[in-house]
Amino acid sequence: MNTVSKILGSATLAAAAWAAPAQASSQLVIDGSLLQLENGTTFDTWKIVMQNAGSFKVNVLAYESTSNSSADALDLNGDGEFTYLDPDTHFWLDDGSINPLQNPANHLARCDDIANNCPNVDTPDFKLTDLGAAFGASDGSIHFQRDPAYEVTLAGGNYLFVMADYRLTETEAASGLNVGDTLRNTGLGGHADYRVTFSSDNLRFSLSGNTITVSQVPLPGAVWLFGSALLGFVGVGHRKS
């Protein structure tokens, strides 16, 4: 076997070895709890940094039980308590101000119940599509109609994902408290748990504090090896000539 054949053969085998176990998707699971205060309930804000434009799926799991004695209740954090949280999710544009939630123009979308309070949105920089009950139930939701499930397409930039109890208005978001709201099945000082799964076929997620960074899946080393082999092939041809 000549030098050129060896180079191309090694590169092809390396590329084939990478392609065989290709990963179907990347995902990130975040857990949290909302608190019952005297004048309302808290809400959580997660920052999303999109390094490039892209699409990913959001699947919420939050309705832990239909009653304290529910046989199919799901204890999300293992605390032995089953709480109602009718999740109300929102997307805001993070404009870099101290509190982007105080600018109504930054609000992009709201999604509460599947096929109910989850209108589709389609703009040049933001798109939201309800994924329906089947996908909503895929994370184990016992009340999948109440747990939102949708896909979003975002332009590159910074955003805020907000998890609240039904219903958080833009005015309440700006104030920092879901005023007058009450978490069912709990009292003052109580809580309600939630879990959100972000997933994508061609994006990867990393979490630091409350910041979720979304980036393209990098080219594997074998691809760079293949490219180097081709450059080597060009070099060999040049030297022979």
C-alpha atoms as a PDB file:
ATOM      1  CA  MET A   1       0.000   0.000   0.000  1.00  0.00           C
ATOM      2  CA  ASN A   2       1.469   3.389  -0.978  1.00  0.00           C
ATOM      3  CA  THR A   3       1.637   6.429   1.304  1.00  0.00           C
ATOM      4  CA  VAL A   4      -1.432   8.107  -0.158  1.00  0.00           C
ATOM      5  CA  SER A   5      -3.544   4.963   0.258  1.00  0.00           C
ATOM      6  CA  LYS A   6      -2.432   4.599   3.877  1.00  0.00           C
ATOM      7  CA  ILE A   7      -3.426   8.180   4.662  1.00  0.00           C
ATOM      8  CA  LEU A   8      -6.861   7.915   3.073  1.00  0.00           C
ATOM      9  CA  GLY A   9      -7.454   4.477   4.576  1.00  0.00           C
ATOM     10  CA  SER A  10      -6.675   5.646   8.105  1.00  0.00           C
ATOM     11  CA  ALA A  11      -8.854   8.731   7.765  1.00  0.00           C
ATOM     12  CA  THR A  12     -11.794   6.754   6.372  1.00  0.00           C
ATOM     13  CA  LEU A  13     -11.624   4.193   9.192  1.00  0.00           C
ATOM     14  CA  ALA A  14     -11.468   6.960  11.807  1.00  0.00           C
ATOM     15  CA  ALA A  15     -14.472   8.738  10.300  1.00  0.00           C
ATOM     16  CA  ALA A  16     -16.438   5.474  10.140  1.00  0.00           C
ATOM     17  CA  ALA A  17     -15.614   4.735  13.786  1.00  0.00           C
ATOM     18  CA  TRP A  18     -17.043   8.131  14.764  1.00  0.00           C
ATOM     19  CA  ALA A  19     -20.197   7.810  12.647  1.00  0.00           C
ATOM     20  CA  ALA A  20     -21.276   4.431  14.055  1.00  0.00           C
ATOM     21  CA  PRO A  21     -22.105   5.547  17.650  1.00  0.00           C
ATOM     22  CA  ALA A  22     -23.543   8.957  16.681  1.00  0.00           C
ATOM     23  CA  GLN A  23     -25.659  10.367  19.532  1.00  0.00           C
ATOM     24  CA  ALA A  24     -29.345  10.916  18.788  1.00  0.00           C
ATOM     25  CA  SER A  25     -29.829  13.996  20.958  1.00  0.00           C
ATOM     26  CA  SER A  26     -28.475  16.162  23.748  1.00  0.00           C
ATOM     27  CA  GLN A  27     -30.556  17.199  26.747  1.00  0.00           C
ATOM     28  CA  LEU A  28     -30.502  19.125  29.997  1.00  0.00           C
ATOM     29  CA  VAL A  29     -32.802  18.539  32.979  1.00  0.00           C
ATOM     30  CA  ILE A  30     -33.319  21.311  35.539  1.00  0.00           C
ATOM     31  CA  ASP A  31     -35.244  21.011  38.824  1.00  0.00           C
ATOM     32  CA  GLY A  32     -36.691  23.730  40.982  1.00  0.00           C
ATOM     33  CA  SER A  33     -39.368  24.704  43.485  1.00  0.00           C
ATOM     34  CA  LEU A  34     -41.722  27.671  43.731  1.00  0.00           C
ATOM     35  CA  LEU A  35     -42.591  29.013  47.179  1.00  0.00           C
ATOM     36  CA  GLN A  36     -45.865  30.116  48.708  1.00  0.00           C
ATOM     37  CA  LEU A  37     -45.436  33.538  50.332  1.00  0.00           C
ATOM     38  CA  GLU A  38     -47.920  35.677  52.225  1.00  0.00           C
ATOM     39  CA  ASN A  39     -48.856  37.832  49.238  1.00  0.00           C
ATOM     40  CA  GLY A  40     -48.389  35.351  46.402  1.00  0.00           C
ATOM     41  CA  THR A  41     -45.931  32.879  44.912  1.00  0.00           C
ATOM     42  CA  THR A  42     -42.397  33.122  43.625  1.00  0.00           C
ATOM     43  CA  PHE A  43     -41.314  32.375  40.079  1.00  0.00           C
ATOM     44  CA  ASP A  44     -37.940  31.212  38.723  1.00  0.00           C
ATOM     45  CA  THR A  45     -35.956  32.838  35.933  1.00  0.00           C
ATOM     46  CA  TRP A  46     -33.373  30.928  33.908  1.00  0.00           C
ATOM     47  CA  LYS A  47     -31.080  32.746  31.495  1.00  0.00           C
ATOM     48  CA  ILE A  48     -30.615  31.113  28.087  1.00  0.00           C
ATOM     49  CA  VAL A  49     -27.575  32.066  26.018  1.00  0.00           C
ATOM     50  CA  MET A  50     -27.945  31.041  22.374  1.00  0.00           C
ATOM     51  CA  GLN A  51     -24.484  31.037  20.836  1.00  0.00           C
ATOM     52  CA  ASN A  52     -26.084  30.386  17.439  1.00  0.00           C
ATOM     53  CA  ALA A  53     -29.593  30.250  16.077  1.00  0.00           C
ATOM     54  CA  GLY A  54     -31.289  26.900  16.621  1.00  0.00           C
ATOM     55  CA  SER A  55     -34.306  24.881  17.772  1.00  0.00           C
ATOM     56  CA  PHE A  56     -34.887  22.807  20.890  1.00  0.00           C
ATOM     57  CA  LYS A  57     -37.769  21.112  22.698  1.00  0.00           C
ATOM     58  CA  VAL A  58     -39.094  22.044  26.145  1.00  0.00           C
ATOM     59  CA  ASN A  59     -40.983  19.449  28.216  1.00  0.00           C
ATOM     60  CA  VAL A  60     -42.322  20.455  31.634  1.00  0.00           C
ATOM     61  CA  LEU A  61     -43.116  18.037  34.454  1.00  0.00           C
ATOM     62  CA  ALA A  62     -44.760  19.803  37.390  1.00  0.00           C
ATOM     63  CA  TYR A  63     -48.230  18.519  38.247  1.00  0.00           C
ATOM     64  CA  GLU A  64     -47.127  16.071  40.947  1.00  0.00           C
ATOM     65  CA  SER A  65     -50.548  14.777  41.913  1.00  0.00           C
ATOM     66  CA  THR A  66     -54.272  15.237  41.565  1.00  0.00           C
ATOM     67  CA  SER A  67     -54.672  14.655  45.322  1.00  0.00           C
ATOM     68  CA  ASN A  68     -52.571  13.752  48.358  1.00  0.00           C
ATOM     69  CA  SER A  69     -53.568  10.109  48.075  1.00  0.00           C
ATOM     70  CA  SER A  70     -53.274   9.815  44.317  1.00  0.00           C
ATOM     71  CA  ALA A  71     -52.022   6.338  43.447  1.00  0.00           C
ATOM     72  CA  ASP A  72     -50.121   7.609  40.436  1.00  0.00           C
ATOM     73  CA  ALA A  73     -48.615  10.652  42.174  1.00  0.00           C
ATOM     74  CA  LEU A  74     -45.056  11.552  41.231  1.00  0.00           C
ATOM     75  CA  ASP A  75     -42.732  12.941  43.918  1.00  0.00           C
ATOM     76  CA  LEU A  76     -40.251  14.959  41.850  1.00  0.00           C
ATOM     77  CA  ASN A  77     -37.666  15.669  44.540  1.00  0.00           C
ATOM     78  CA  GLY A  78     -38.334  12.811  46.967  1.00  0.00           C
ATOM     79  CA  ASP A  79     -39.511  15.038  49.812  1.00  0.00           C
ATOM     80  CA  GLY A  80     -42.606  12.932  50.496  1.00  0.00           C
ATOM     81  CA  GLU A  81     -44.966  15.786  49.597  1.00  0.00           C
ATOM     82  CA  PHE A  82     -47.232  15.988  46.588  1.00  0.00           C
ATOM     83  CA  THR A  83     -48.120  19.465  45.400  1.00  0.00           C
ATOM     84  CA  TYR A  84     -50.108  21.063  42.623  1.00  0.00           C
ATOM     85  CA  LEU A  85     -48.232  23.343  40.269  1.00  0.00           C
ATOM     86  CA  ASP A  86     -50.100  24.400  37.154  1.00  0.00           C
ATOM     87  CA  PRO A  87     -46.986  25.559  35.277  1.00  0.00           C
ATOM     88  CA  ASP A  88     -47.065  28.850  33.438  1.00  0.00           C
ATOM     89  CA  THR A  89     -43.951  29.229  31.259  1.00  0.00           C
ATOM     90  CA  HIS A  90     -42.736  32.356  29.481  1.00  0.00           C
ATOM     91  CA  PHE A  91     -39.914  33.516  27.223  1.00  0.00           C
ATOM     92  CA  TRP A  92     -38.477  37.021  27.423  1.00  0.00           C
ATOM     93  CA  LEU A  93     -35.729  38.658  25.424  1.00  0.00           C
ATOM     94  CA  ASP A  94     -32.790  39.566  27.669  1.00  0.00           C
ATOM     95  CA  ASP A  95     -31.963  43.085  26.499  1.00  0.00           C
ATOM     96  CA  GLY A  96     -29.039  43.458  28.909  1.00  0.00           C
ATOM     97  CA  SER A  97     -30.872  45.794  31.288  1.00  0.00           C
ATOM     98  CA  ILE A  98     -30.916  45.296  35.059  1.00  0.00           C
ATOM     99  CA  ASN A  99     -34.376  43.719  34.881  1.00  0.00           C
ATOM    100  CA  PRO A 100     -35.484  42.786  31.341  1.00  0.00           C
ATOM    101  CA  LEU A 101     -38.851  41.606  32.745  1.00  0.00           C
ATOM    102  CA  GLN A 102     -39.775  45.237  33.371  1.00  0.00           C
ATOM    103  CA  ASN A 103     -39.930  45.956  29.653  1.00  0.00           C
ATOM    104  CA  PRO A 104     -43.158  44.554  28.146  1.00  0.00           C
ATOM    105  CA  ALA A 105     -41.593  44.726  24.681  1.00  0.00           C
ATOM    106  CA  ASN A 106     -39.196  41.941  25.719  1.00  0.00           C
ATOM    107  CA  HIS A 107     -41.995  39.418  26.258  1.00  0.00           C
ATOM    108  CA  LEU A 108     -41.938  36.841  23.452  1.00  0.00           C
ATOM    109  CA  ALA A 109     -44.378  34.061  24.361  1.00  0.00           C
ATOM    110  CA  ARG A 110     -46.389  32.321  27.054  1.00  0.00           C
ATOM    111  CA  CYS A 111     -47.278  28.622  27.207  1.00  0.00           C
ATOM    112  CA  ASP A 112     -49.467  27.147  29.933  1.00  0.00           C
ATOM    113  CA  ASP A 113     -51.685  24.141  29.114  1.00  0.00           C
ATOM    114  CA  ILE A 114     -51.071  21.931  26.078  1.00  0.00           C
ATOM    115  CA  ALA A 115     -53.448  22.780  23.215  1.00  0.00           C
ATOM    116  CA  ASN A 116     -55.144  25.411  25.369  1.00  0.00           C
ATOM    117  CA  ASN A 117     -53.131  28.369  26.662  1.00  0.00           C
ATOM    118  CA  CYS A 118     -50.190  27.713  24.361  1.00  0.00           C
ATOM    119  CA  PRO A 119     -50.626  29.667  21.127  1.00  0.00           C
ATOM    120  CA  ASN A 120     -48.096  29.086  18.369  1.00  0.00           C
ATOM    121  CA  VAL A 121     -45.757  31.995  17.632  1.00  0.00           C
ATOM    122  CA  ASP A 122     -43.909  32.476  14.336  1.00  0.00           C
ATOM    123  CA  THR A 123     -41.659  35.535  13.899  1.00  0.00           C
ATOM    124  CA  PRO A 124     -38.282  35.971  12.153  1.00  0.00           C
ATOM    125  CA  ASP A 125     -36.382  35.748  15.471  1.00  0.00           C
ATOM    126  CA  PHE A 126     -38.636  33.556  17.627  1.00  0.00           C
ATOM    127  CA  LYS A 127     -40.879  30.593  16.948  1.00  0.00           C
ATOM    128  CA  LEU A 128     -42.912  28.421  19.345  1.00  0.00           C
ATOM    129  CA  THR A 129     -44.862  25.311  18.371  1.00  0.00           C
ATOM    130  CA  ASP A 130     -47.010  23.263  20.752  1.00  0.00           C
ATOM    131  CA  LEU A 131     -45.895  19.609  20.554  1.00  0.00           C
ATOM    132  CA  GLY A 132     -49.098  18.104  21.939  1.00  0.00           C
ATOM    133  CA  ALA A 133     -50.092  15.584  24.602  1.00  0.00           C
ATOM    134  CA  ALA A 134     -48.068  12.582  23.398  1.00  0.00           C
ATOM    135  CA  PHE A 135     -44.750  14.398  23.713  1.00  0.00           C
ATOM    136  CA  GLY A 136     -45.989  16.088  26.882  1.00  0.00           C
ATOM    137  CA  ALA A 137     -46.512  12.698  28.525  1.00  0.00           C
ATOM    138  CA  SER A 138     -43.133  11.321  27.409  1.00  0.00           C
ATOM    139  CA  ASP A 139     -41.379  12.646  30.530  1.00  0.00           C
ATOM    140  CA  GLY A 140     -43.771  10.816  32.857  1.00  0.00           C
ATOM    141  CA  SER A 141     -46.233  13.652  33.433  1.00  0.00           C
ATOM    142  CA  ILE A 142     -49.297  12.331  35.241  1.00  0.00           C
ATOM    143  CA  HIS A 143     -51.313  15.316  34.047  1.00  0.00           C
ATOM    144  CA  PHE A 144     -49.713  15.865  30.665  1.00  0.00           C
ATOM    145  CA  GLN A 145     -52.443  18.225  29.464  1.00  0.00           C
ATOM    146  CA  ARG A 146     -51.445  20.617  32.248  1.00  0.00           C
ATOM    147  CA  ASP A 147     -47.677  20.308  31.684  1.00  0.00           C
ATOM    148  CA  PRO A 148     -46.522  22.356  28.654  1.00  0.00           C
ATOM    149  CA  ALA A 149     -44.526  20.720  25.864  1.00  0.00           C
ATOM    150  CA  TYR A 150     -43.320  22.713  22.875  1.00  0.00           C
ATOM    151  CA  GLU A 151     -40.459  23.478  20.510  1.00  0.00           C
ATOM    152  CA  VAL A 152     -38.824  26.895  20.246  1.00  0.00           C
ATOM    153  CA  THR A 153     -36.585  28.334  17.545  1.00  0.00           C
ATOM    154  CA  LEU A 154     -34.402  31.213  18.682  1.00  0.00           C
ATOM    155  CA  ALA A 155     -32.010  33.557  16.966  1.00  0.00           C
ATOM    156  CA  GLY A 156     -28.560  33.882  18.472  1.00  0.00           C
ATOM    157  CA  GLY A 157     -28.619  36.050  21.604  1.00  0.00           C
ATOM    158  CA  ASN A 158     -29.749  36.091  25.239  1.00  0.00           C
ATOM    159  CA  TYR A 159     -33.186  35.112  26.554  1.00  0.00           C
ATOM    160  CA  LEU A 160     -35.009  34.424  29.818  1.00  0.00           C
ATOM    161  CA  PHE A 161     -37.082  31.314  30.493  1.00  0.00           C
ATOM    162  CA  VAL A 162     -39.575  31.862  33.322  1.00  0.00           C
ATOM    163  CA  MET A 163     -41.336  29.132  35.308  1.00  0.00           C
ATOM    164  CA  ALA A 164     -44.330  30.286  37.353  1.00  0.00           C
ATOM    165  CA  ASP A 165     -47.677  29.069  38.650  1.00  0.00           C
ATOM    166  CA  TYR A 166     -50.857  29.947  36.751  1.00  0.00           C
ATOM    167  CA  ARG A 167     -51.123  32.792  36.087  1.00  0.00           C
ATOM    168  CA  LEU A 168     -48.179  35.170  35.937  1.00  0.00           C
ATOM    169  CA  THR A 169     -48.926  38.463  34.186  1.00  0.00           C
ATOM    170  CA  GLU A 170     -46.298  40.735  32.665  1.00  0.00           C
ATOM    171  CA  THR A 171     -46.968  43.290  35.411  1.00  0.00           C
ATOM    172  CA  GLU A 172     -46.397  40.664  38.110  1.00  0.00           C
ATOM    173  CA  ALA A 173     -43.228  39.469  36.391  1.00  0.00           C
ATOM    174  CA  ALA A 174     -41.911  43.037  36.433  1.00  0.00           C
ATOM    175  CA  SER A 175     -42.704  43.317  40.164  1.00  0.00           C
ATOM    176  CA  GLY A 176     -40.923  40.056  41.059  1.00  0.00           C
ATOM    177  CA  LEU A 177     -43.931  38.319  42.673  1.00  0.00           C
ATOM    178  CA  ASN A 178     -46.920  36.387  41.359  1.00  0.00           C
ATOM    179  CA  VAL A 179     -49.325  38.485  43.432  1.00  0.00           C
ATOM    180  CA  GLY A 180     -52.376  36.834  44.972  1.00  0.00           C
ATOM    181  CA  ASP A 181     -51.470  33.411  43.592  1.00  0.00           C
ATOM    182  CA  THR A 182     -51.869  30.344  45.816  1.00  0.00           C
ATOM    183  CA  LEU A 183     -50.235  26.936  45.376  1.00  0.00           C
ATOM    184  CA  ARG A 184     -52.869  24.312  45.955  1.00  0.00           C
ATOM    185  CA  ASN A 185     -52.275  21.528  48.469  1.00  0.00           C
ATOM    186  CA  THR A 186     -49.868  23.631  50.519  1.00  0.00           C
ATOM    187  CA  GLY A 187     -49.898  26.689  52.778  1.00  0.00           C
ATOM    188  CA  LEU A 188     -47.728  29.656  53.731  1.00  0.00           C
ATOM    189  CA  GLY A 189     -44.098  28.608  53.478  1.00  0.00           C
ATOM    190  CA  GLY A 190     -44.985  25.607  51.333  1.00  0.00           C
ATOM    191  CA  HIS A 191     -43.648  24.826  47.897  1.00  0.00           C
ATOM    192  CA  ALA A 192     -44.355  23.165  44.562  1.00  0.00           C
ATOM    193  CA  ASP A 193     -41.730  21.300  42.553  1.00  0.00           C
ATOM    194  CA  TYR A 194     -41.055  21.226  38.826  1.00  0.00           C
ATOM    195  CA  ARG A 195     -38.719  19.638  36.306  1.00  0.00           C
ATOM    196  CA  VAL A 196     -37.944  20.926  32.814  1.00  0.00           C
ATOM    197  CA  THR A 197     -36.194  18.899  30.119  1.00  0.00           C
ATOM    198  CA  PHE A 198     -34.516  20.726  27.237  1.00  0.00           C
ATOM    199  CA  SER A 199     -33.565  18.503  24.294  1.00  0.00           C
ATOM    200  CA  SER A 200     -32.313  18.804  20.741  1.00  0.00           C
ATOM    201  CA  ASP A 201     -30.883  16.651  17.971  1.00  0.00           C
ATOM    202  CA  ASN A 202     -28.233  19.169  16.940  1.00  0.00           C
ATOM    203  CA  LEU A 203     -27.617  21.390  19.975  1.00  0.00           C
ATOM    204  CA  ARG A 204     -25.945  20.813  23.293  1.00  0.00           C
ATOM    205  CA  PHE A 205     -26.734  22.394  26.666  1.00  0.00           C
ATOM    206  CA  SER A 206     -24.539  23.355  29.612  1.00  0.00           C
ATOM    207  CA  LEU A 207     -25.643  24.769  32.962  1.00  0.00           C
ATOM    208  CA  SER A 208     -23.799  27.170  35.255  1.00  0.00           C
ATOM    209  CA  GLY A 209     -25.846  28.597  38.113  1.00  0.00           C
ATOM    210  CA  ASN A 210     -29.078  29.756  36.512  1.00  0.00           C
ATOM    211  CA  THR A 211     -27.511  30.252  33.052  1.00  0.00           C
ATOM    212  CA  ILE A 212     -28.126  27.703  30.299  1.00  0.00           C
ATOM    213  CA  THR A 213     -25.713  27.963  27.388  1.00  0.00           C
ATOM    214  CA  VAL A 214     -26.913  26.456  24.112  1.00  0.00           C
ATOM    215  CA  SER A 215     -24.333  25.718  21.427  1.00  0.00           C
ATOM    216  CA  GLN A 216     -23.891  23.703  18.262  1.00  0.00           C
ATOM    217  CA  VAL A 217     -22.630  20.141  18.647  1.00  0.00           C
ATOM    218  CA  PRO A 218     -18.907  20.410  17.831  1.00  0.00           C
ATOM    219  CA  LEU A 219     -17.323  18.447  15.023  1.00  0.00           C
ATOM    220  CA  PRO A 220     -15.753  15.281  16.496  1.00  0.00           C
ATOM    221  CA  GLY A 221     -12.027  14.756  16.417  1.00  0.00           C
ATOM    222  CA  ALA A 222     -12.309  12.198  13.633  1.00  0.00           C
ATOM    223  CA  VAL A 223     -13.587  14.864  11.256  1.00  0.00           C
ATOM    224  CA  TRP A 224     -10.528  17.010  11.968  1.00  0.00           C
ATOM    225  CA  LEU A 225      -8.374  13.904  11.504  1.00  0.00           C
ATOM    226  CA  PHE A 226      -9.977  13.289   8.141  1.00  0.00           C
ATOM    227  CA  GLY A 227      -9.330  16.902   7.141  1.00  0.00           C
ATOM    228  CA  SER A 228      -5.708  16.621   8.242  1.00  0.00           C
ATOM    229  CA  ALA A 229      -5.349  13.450   6.185  1.00  0.00           C
ATOM    230  CA  LEU A 230      -6.621  15.222   3.099  1.00  0.00           C
ATOM    231  CA  LEU A 231      -4.161  18.043   3.677  1.00  0.00           C
ATOM    232  CA  GLY A 232      -1.455  15.419   4.019  1.00  0.00           C
ATOM    233  CA  PHE A 233      -2.548  13.928   0.724  1.00  0.00           C
ATOM    234  CA  VAL A 234      -2.210  17.313  -0.947  1.00  0.00           C
ATOM    235  CA  GLY A 235       1.241  17.735   0.593  1.00  0.00           C
ATOM    236  CA  VAL A 236       2.411  14.326  -0.645  1.00  0.00           C
ATOM    237  CA  GLY A 237       1.207  15.066  -4.167  1.00  0.00           C
ATOM    238  CA  HIS A 238       2.956  18.423  -4.110  1.00  0.00           C
ATOM    239  CA  ARG A 239       6.287  16.933  -2.992  1.00  0.00           C
ATOM    240  CA  LYS A 240       6.148  14.232  -5.695  1.00  0.00           C
ATOM    241  CA  SER A 241       5.500  16.773  -8.416  1.00  0.00           C
END
